[in-house]
């Protein structure tokens, strides 16, 4: 162990109502860590919200899903 600190570049981005992400894959590929979250359109039908989450999960550049819950 040394005295060095590793600084990562990352972001939290929105999973849009249509399932797309805030940034293109080319930008996400340059980041060390990516968190994808649902913040809007949470009152969509359950299957639509689930598909949005699955789209983000299947993206190879997404590392973490943020706020993985839904209020009914």
PDB file of N, CA and C in Angstrom:
ATOM      1  N   UNK A   1       0.846  -1.182   0.000  1.00  0.00           N
ATOM      2  CA  UNK A   1       0.000   0.000   0.000  1.00  0.00           C
ATOM      3  C   UNK A   1       0.883   1.234   0.000  1.00  0.00           C
ATOM      4  N   UNK A   2       0.528   2.160  -0.834  1.00  0.00           N
ATOM      5  CA  UNK A   2       1.289   3.389  -0.939  1.00  0.00           C
ATOM      6  C   UNK A   2       0.445   4.581  -0.566  1.00  0.00           C
ATOM      7  N   UNK A   3       0.994   5.708  -0.856  1.00  0.00           N
ATOM      8  CA  UNK A   3       0.295   6.960  -0.565  1.00  0.00           C
ATOM      9  C   UNK A   3      -0.444   7.499  -1.782  1.00  0.00           C
ATOM     10  N   UNK A   4      -0.620   6.687  -2.804  1.00  0.00           N
ATOM     11  CA  UNK A   4      -1.265   7.172  -4.023  1.00  0.00           C
ATOM     12  C   UNK A   4      -2.781   7.010  -3.936  1.00  0.00           C
ATOM     13  N   UNK A   5      -3.448   7.859  -4.664  1.00  0.00           N
ATOM     14  CA  UNK A   5      -4.908   7.826  -4.766  1.00  0.00           C
ATOM     15  C   UNK A   5      -5.243   7.673  -6.241  1.00  0.00           C
ATOM     16  N   UNK A   6      -6.134   6.748  -6.547  1.00  0.00           N
ATOM     17  CA  UNK A   6      -6.573   6.563  -7.932  1.00  0.00           C
ATOM     18  C   UNK A   6      -7.883   7.320  -8.121  1.00  0.00           C
ATOM     19  N   UNK A   7      -7.924   8.200  -9.090  1.00  0.00           N
ATOM     20  CA  UNK A   7      -9.112   8.994  -9.387  1.00  0.00           C
ATOM     21  C   UNK A   7      -9.779   8.407 -10.625  1.00  0.00           C
ATOM     22  N   UNK A   8     -11.051   8.090 -10.492  1.00  0.00           N
ATOM     23  CA  UNK A   8     -11.820   7.528 -11.597  1.00  0.00           C
ATOM     24  C   UNK A   8     -12.719   8.599 -12.209  1.00  0.00           C
ATOM     25  N   UNK A   9     -13.010   8.445 -13.477  1.00  0.00           N
ATOM     26  CA  UNK A   9     -13.979   9.315 -14.141  1.00  0.00           C
ATOM     27  C   UNK A   9     -15.255   8.528 -14.346  1.00  0.00           C
ATOM     28  N   UNK A  10     -16.370   9.095 -13.920  1.00  0.00           N
ATOM     29  CA  UNK A  10     -17.633   8.404 -14.072  1.00  0.00           C
ATOM     30  C   UNK A  10     -18.793   9.368 -14.076  1.00  0.00           C
ATOM     31  N   UNK A  11     -19.980   8.816 -14.225  1.00  0.00           N
ATOM     32  CA  UNK A  11     -21.177   9.651 -14.197  1.00  0.00           C
ATOM     33  C   UNK A  11     -22.389   8.812 -13.823  1.00  0.00           C
ATOM     34  N   UNK A  12     -23.417   9.506 -13.370  1.00  0.00           N
ATOM     35  CA  UNK A  12     -24.749   8.913 -13.237  1.00  0.00           C
ATOM     36  C   UNK A  12     -25.569   9.507 -14.363  1.00  0.00           C
ATOM     37  N   UNK A  13     -26.240   8.667 -15.107  1.00  0.00           N
ATOM     38  CA  UNK A  13     -27.027   9.175 -16.219  1.00  0.00           C
ATOM     39  C   UNK A  13     -28.445   8.646 -16.162  1.00  0.00           C
ATOM     40  N   UNK A  14     -29.302   9.337 -16.866  1.00  0.00           N
ATOM     41  CA  UNK A  14     -30.730   9.030 -16.878  1.00  0.00           C
ATOM     42  C   UNK A  14     -31.046   7.928 -17.881  1.00  0.00           C
ATOM     43  N   UNK A  15     -31.941   7.034 -17.492  1.00  0.00           N
ATOM     44  CA  UNK A  15     -32.560   6.101 -18.426  1.00  0.00           C
ATOM     45  C   UNK A  15     -33.855   6.792 -18.863  1.00  0.00           C
ATOM     46  N   UNK A  16     -33.885   7.282 -20.083  1.00  0.00           N
ATOM     47  CA  UNK A  16     -35.029   8.051 -20.571  1.00  0.00           C
ATOM     48  C   UNK A  16     -36.285   7.193 -20.679  1.00  0.00           C
ATOM     49  N   UNK A  17     -37.418   7.857 -20.850  1.00  0.00           N
ATOM     50  CA  UNK A  17     -38.710   7.176 -20.940  1.00  0.00           C
ATOM     51  C   UNK A  17     -38.759   6.169 -22.085  1.00  0.00           C
ATOM     52  N   UNK A  18     -37.973   6.412 -23.142  1.00  0.00           N
ATOM     53  CA  UNK A  18     -37.956   5.485 -24.278  1.00  0.00           C
ATOM     54  C   UNK A  18     -36.879   4.408 -24.143  1.00  0.00           C
ATOM     55  N   UNK A  19     -36.159   4.407 -23.005  1.00  0.00           N
ATOM     56  CA  UNK A  19     -35.142   3.392 -22.749  1.00  0.00           C
ATOM     57  C   UNK A  19     -33.739   3.771 -23.169  1.00  0.00           C
ATOM     58  N   UNK A  20     -33.589   4.896 -23.854  1.00  0.00           N
ATOM     59  CA  UNK A  20     -32.248   5.341 -24.236  1.00  0.00           C
ATOM     60  C   UNK A  20     -31.554   5.981 -23.041  1.00  0.00           C
ATOM     61  N   UNK A  21     -30.244   6.122 -23.148  1.00  0.00           N
ATOM     62  CA  UNK A  21     -29.446   6.720 -22.080  1.00  0.00           C
ATOM     63  C   UNK A  21     -29.055   8.146 -22.444  1.00  0.00           C
ATOM     64  N   UNK A  22     -28.670   8.934 -21.427  1.00  0.00           N
ATOM     65  CA  UNK A  22     -28.298  10.338 -21.613  1.00  0.00           C
ATOM     66  C   UNK A  22     -27.121  10.542 -22.561  1.00  0.00           C
ATOM     67  N   UNK A  23     -26.190   9.618 -22.564  1.00  0.00           N
ATOM     68  CA  UNK A  23     -24.964   9.783 -23.344  1.00  0.00           C
ATOM     69  C   UNK A  23     -24.820   8.637 -24.340  1.00  0.00           C
ATOM     70  N   UNK A  24     -24.167   8.907 -25.470  1.00  0.00           N
ATOM     71  CA  UNK A  24     -23.931   7.833 -26.445  1.00  0.00           C
ATOM     72  C   UNK A  24     -22.875   6.854 -25.941  1.00  0.00           C
ATOM     73  N   UNK A  25     -22.896   5.653 -26.491  1.00  0.00           N
ATOM     74  CA  UNK A  25     -21.935   4.623 -26.096  1.00  0.00           C
ATOM     75  C   UNK A  25     -20.489   5.081 -26.248  1.00  0.00           C
ATOM     76  N   UNK A  26     -20.208   5.900 -27.253  1.00  0.00           N
ATOM     77  CA  UNK A  26     -18.837   6.381 -27.470  1.00  0.00           C
ATOM     78  C   UNK A  26     -18.336   7.171 -26.264  1.00  0.00           C
ATOM     79  N   UNK A  27     -19.203   7.956 -25.654  1.00  0.00           N
ATOM     80  CA  UNK A  27     -18.826   8.735 -24.470  1.00  0.00           C
ATOM     81  C   UNK A  27     -18.723   7.825 -23.247  1.00  0.00           C
ATOM     82  N   UNK A  28     -19.662   6.898 -23.110  1.00  0.00           N
ATOM     83  CA  UNK A  28     -19.655   5.998 -21.955  1.00  0.00           C
ATOM     84  C   UNK A  28     -18.416   5.107 -21.945  1.00  0.00           C
ATOM     85  N   UNK A  29     -17.941   4.728 -23.116  1.00  0.00           N
ATOM     86  CA  UNK A  29     -16.766   3.851 -23.218  1.00  0.00           C
ATOM     87  C   UNK A  29     -15.510   4.511 -22.655  1.00  0.00           C
ATOM     88  N   UNK A  30     -15.489   5.818 -22.572  1.00  0.00           N
ATOM     89  CA  UNK A  30     -14.322   6.548 -22.073  1.00  0.00           C
ATOM     90  C   UNK A  30     -14.317   6.691 -20.553  1.00  0.00           C
ATOM     91  N   UNK A  31     -15.419   6.308 -19.909  1.00  0.00           N
ATOM     92  CA  UNK A  31     -15.538   6.467 -18.462  1.00  0.00           C
ATOM     93  C   UNK A  31     -15.124   5.192 -17.734  1.00  0.00           C
ATOM     94  N   UNK A  32     -14.686   5.362 -16.491  1.00  0.00           N
ATOM     95  CA  UNK A  32     -14.293   4.220 -15.666  1.00  0.00           C
ATOM     96  C   UNK A  32     -15.488   3.552 -15.003  1.00  0.00           C
ATOM     97  N   UNK A  33     -16.514   4.339 -14.698  1.00  0.00           N
ATOM     98  CA  UNK A  33     -17.693   3.798 -14.013  1.00  0.00           C
ATOM     99  C   UNK A  33     -18.928   4.587 -14.447  1.00  0.00           C
ATOM    100  N   UNK A  34     -20.007   3.846 -14.708  1.00  0.00           N
ATOM    101  CA  UNK A  34     -21.254   4.460 -15.172  1.00  0.00           C
ATOM    102  C   UNK A  34     -22.406   3.911 -14.335  1.00  0.00           C
ATOM    103  N   UNK A  35     -23.194   4.830 -13.773  1.00  0.00           N
ATOM    104  CA  UNK A  35     -24.402   4.486 -13.021  1.00  0.00           C
ATOM    105  C   UNK A  35     -25.597   4.955 -13.850  1.00  0.00           C
ATOM    106  N   UNK A  36     -26.511   4.055 -14.154  1.00  0.00           N
ATOM    107  CA  UNK A  36     -27.725   4.402 -14.899  1.00  0.00           C
ATOM    108  C   UNK A  36     -28.908   4.348 -13.940  1.00  0.00           C
ATOM    109  N   UNK A  37     -29.729   5.394 -13.975  1.00  0.00           N
ATOM    110  CA  UNK A  37     -30.836   5.491 -13.018  1.00  0.00           C
ATOM    111  C   UNK A  37     -32.113   5.977 -13.683  1.00  0.00           C
ATOM    112  N   UNK A  38     -33.226   5.594 -13.081  1.00  0.00           N
ATOM    113  CA  UNK A  38     -34.537   6.108 -13.466  1.00  0.00           C
ATOM    114  C   UNK A  38     -34.876   7.276 -12.547  1.00  0.00           C
ATOM    115  N   UNK A  39     -35.130   8.440 -13.140  1.00  0.00           N
ATOM    116  CA  UNK A  39     -35.557   9.597 -12.358  1.00  0.00           C
ATOM    117  C   UNK A  39     -36.884  10.158 -12.861  1.00  0.00           C
ATOM    118  N   UNK A  40     -37.223   9.874 -14.119  1.00  0.00           N
ATOM    119  CA  UNK A  40     -38.429  10.431 -14.733  1.00  0.00           C
ATOM    120  C   UNK A  40     -39.288   9.308 -15.296  1.00  0.00           C
ATOM    121  N   UNK A  41     -40.534   9.633 -15.577  1.00  0.00           N
ATOM    122  CA  UNK A  41     -41.499   8.701 -16.177  1.00  0.00           C
ATOM    123  C   UNK A  41     -41.638   7.413 -15.368  1.00  0.00           C
ATOM    124  N   UNK A  42     -41.663   7.555 -14.060  1.00  0.00           N
ATOM    125  CA  UNK A  42     -41.749   6.392 -13.175  1.00  0.00           C
ATOM    126  C   UNK A  42     -43.161   5.813 -13.106  1.00  0.00           C
ATOM    127  N   UNK A  43     -44.135   6.525 -13.620  1.00  0.00           N
ATOM    128  CA  UNK A  43     -45.518   6.042 -13.579  1.00  0.00           C
ATOM    129  C   UNK A  43     -45.920   5.306 -14.861  1.00  0.00           C
ATOM    130  N   UNK A  44     -44.958   4.987 -15.679  1.00  0.00           N
ATOM    131  CA  UNK A  44     -45.230   4.159 -16.853  1.00  0.00           C
ATOM    132  C   UNK A  44     -45.691   2.783 -16.377  1.00  0.00           C
ATOM    133  N   UNK A  45     -46.326   2.021 -17.254  1.00  0.00           N
ATOM    134  CA  UNK A  45     -46.689   0.647 -16.877  1.00  0.00           C
ATOM    135  C   UNK A  45     -45.439  -0.135 -16.455  1.00  0.00           C
ATOM    136  N   UNK A  46     -45.646  -1.050 -15.534  1.00  0.00           N
ATOM    137  CA  UNK A  46     -44.543  -1.826 -14.949  1.00  0.00           C
ATOM    138  C   UNK A  46     -43.667  -2.488 -16.023  1.00  0.00           C
ATOM    139  N   UNK A  47     -44.290  -3.079 -17.045  1.00  0.00           N
ATOM    140  CA  UNK A  47     -43.493  -3.765 -18.070  1.00  0.00           C
ATOM    141  C   UNK A  47     -42.634  -2.783 -18.866  1.00  0.00           C
ATOM    142  N   UNK A  48     -43.102  -1.576 -19.043  1.00  0.00           N
ATOM    143  CA  UNK A  48     -42.328  -0.563 -19.754  1.00  0.00           C
ATOM    144  C   UNK A  48     -41.132  -0.101 -18.908  1.00  0.00           C
ATOM    145  N   UNK A  49     -41.349   0.110 -17.625  1.00  0.00           N
ATOM    146  CA  UNK A  49     -40.258   0.493 -16.723  1.00  0.00           C
ATOM    147  C   UNK A  49     -39.235  -0.641 -16.640  1.00  0.00           C
ATOM    148  N   UNK A  50     -39.721  -1.869 -16.575  1.00  0.00           N
ATOM    149  CA  UNK A  50     -38.825  -3.029 -16.533  1.00  0.00           C
ATOM    150  C   UNK A  50     -37.972  -3.095 -17.791  1.00  0.00           C
ATOM    151  N   UNK A  51     -38.576  -2.844 -18.954  1.00  0.00           N
ATOM    152  CA  UNK A  51     -37.820  -2.883 -20.204  1.00  0.00           C
ATOM    153  C   UNK A  51     -36.752  -1.785 -20.232  1.00  0.00           C
ATOM    154  N   UNK A  52     -37.071  -0.621 -19.700  1.00  0.00           N
ATOM    155  CA  UNK A  52     -36.070   0.460 -19.613  1.00  0.00           C
ATOM    156  C   UNK A  52     -34.875   0.015 -18.786  1.00  0.00           C
ATOM    157  N   UNK A  53     -35.154  -0.605 -17.651  1.00  0.00           N
ATOM    158  CA  UNK A  53     -34.071  -1.092 -16.790  1.00  0.00           C
ATOM    159  C   UNK A  53     -33.249  -2.161 -17.508  1.00  0.00           C
ATOM    160  N   UNK A  54     -33.920  -3.089 -18.189  1.00  0.00           N
ATOM    161  CA  UNK A  54     -33.213  -4.148 -18.898  1.00  0.00           C
ATOM    162  C   UNK A  54     -32.338  -3.589 -20.015  1.00  0.00           C
ATOM    163  N   UNK A  55     -32.823  -2.554 -20.701  1.00  0.00           N
ATOM    164  CA  UNK A  55     -32.001  -1.908 -21.734  1.00  0.00           C
ATOM    165  C   UNK A  55     -30.701  -1.396 -21.129  1.00  0.00           C
ATOM    166  N   UNK A  56     -30.782  -0.775 -19.974  1.00  0.00           N
ATOM    167  CA  UNK A  56     -29.581  -0.252 -19.312  1.00  0.00           C
ATOM    168  C   UNK A  56     -28.690  -1.384 -18.823  1.00  0.00           C
ATOM    169  N   UNK A  57     -29.279  -2.412 -18.249  1.00  0.00           N
ATOM    170  CA  UNK A  57     -28.506  -3.551 -17.744  1.00  0.00           C
ATOM    171  C   UNK A  57     -27.726  -4.216 -18.871  1.00  0.00           C
ATOM    172  N   UNK A  58     -28.306  -4.301 -20.037  1.00  0.00           N
ATOM    173  CA  UNK A  58     -27.663  -4.968 -21.174  1.00  0.00           C
ATOM    174  C   UNK A  58     -26.616  -4.100 -21.865  1.00  0.00           C
ATOM    175  N   UNK A  59     -26.566  -2.820 -21.530  1.00  0.00           N
ATOM    176  CA  UNK A  59     -25.546  -1.959 -22.128  1.00  0.00           C
ATOM    177  C   UNK A  59     -24.193  -2.312 -21.522  1.00  0.00           C
ATOM    178  N   UNK A  60     -23.203  -2.646 -22.340  1.00  0.00           N
ATOM    179  CA  UNK A  60     -21.910  -3.081 -21.808  1.00  0.00           C
ATOM    180  C   UNK A  60     -21.138  -2.001 -21.055  1.00  0.00           C
ATOM    181  N   UNK A  61     -21.547  -0.744 -21.184  1.00  0.00           N
ATOM    182  CA  UNK A  61     -20.836   0.347 -20.516  1.00  0.00           C
ATOM    183  C   UNK A  61     -21.444   0.729 -19.171  1.00  0.00           C
ATOM    184  N   UNK A  62     -22.615   0.174 -18.845  1.00  0.00           N
ATOM    185  CA  UNK A  62     -23.278   0.464 -17.569  1.00  0.00           C
ATOM    186  C   UNK A  62     -22.759  -0.511 -16.521  1.00  0.00           C
ATOM    187  N   UNK A  63     -22.260   0.046 -15.410  1.00  0.00           N
ATOM    188  CA  UNK A  63     -21.693  -0.768 -14.336  1.00  0.00           C
ATOM    189  C   UNK A  63     -22.652  -0.954 -13.161  1.00  0.00           C
ATOM    190  N   UNK A  64     -23.476   0.050 -12.913  1.00  0.00           N
ATOM    191  CA  UNK A  64     -24.346   0.045 -11.730  1.00  0.00           C
ATOM    192  C   UNK A  64     -25.716   0.593 -12.130  1.00  0.00           C
ATOM    193  N   UNK A  65     -26.766  -0.011 -11.572  1.00  0.00           N
ATOM    194  CA  UNK A  65     -28.112   0.533 -11.721  1.00  0.00           C
ATOM    195  C   UNK A  65     -28.438   1.249 -10.407  1.00  0.00           C
ATOM    196  N   UNK A  66     -28.765   2.529 -10.518  1.00  0.00           N
ATOM    197  CA  UNK A  66     -29.089   3.318  -9.327  1.00  0.00           C
ATOM    198  C   UNK A  66     -30.590   3.350  -9.089  1.00  0.00           C
ATOM    199  N   UNK A  67     -30.989   3.422  -7.848  1.00  0.00           N
ATOM    200  CA  UNK A  67     -32.401   3.541  -7.450  1.00  0.00           C
ATOM    201  C   UNK A  67     -33.259   2.425  -8.056  1.00  0.00           C
ATOM    202  N   UNK A  68     -32.909   1.170  -7.875  1.00  0.00           N
ATOM    203  CA  UNK A  68     -33.640   0.081  -8.526  1.00  0.00           C
ATOM    204  C   UNK A  68     -34.960  -0.288  -7.847  1.00  0.00           C
ATOM    205  N   UNK A  69     -35.811   0.695  -7.652  1.00  0.00           N
ATOM    206  CA  UNK A  69     -37.111   0.407  -7.049  1.00  0.00           C
ATOM    207  C   UNK A  69     -38.161   1.241  -7.736  1.00  0.00           C
ATOM    208  N   UNK A  70     -39.395   0.905  -7.477  1.00  0.00           N
ATOM    209  CA  UNK A  70     -40.509   1.646  -8.051  1.00  0.00           C
ATOM    210  C   UNK A  70     -41.569   1.785  -6.992  1.00  0.00           C
ATOM    211  N   UNK A  71     -42.059   2.986  -6.844  1.00  0.00           N
ATOM    212  CA  UNK A  71     -43.152   3.211  -5.903  1.00  0.00           C
ATOM    213  C   UNK A  71     -44.461   2.993  -6.632  1.00  0.00           C
ATOM    214  N   UNK A  72     -45.351   2.249  -6.047  1.00  0.00           N
ATOM    215  CA  UNK A  72     -46.678   2.005  -6.645  1.00  0.00           C
ATOM    216  C   UNK A  72     -47.703   2.941  -6.050  1.00  0.00           C
TER     217      UNK A  72
END
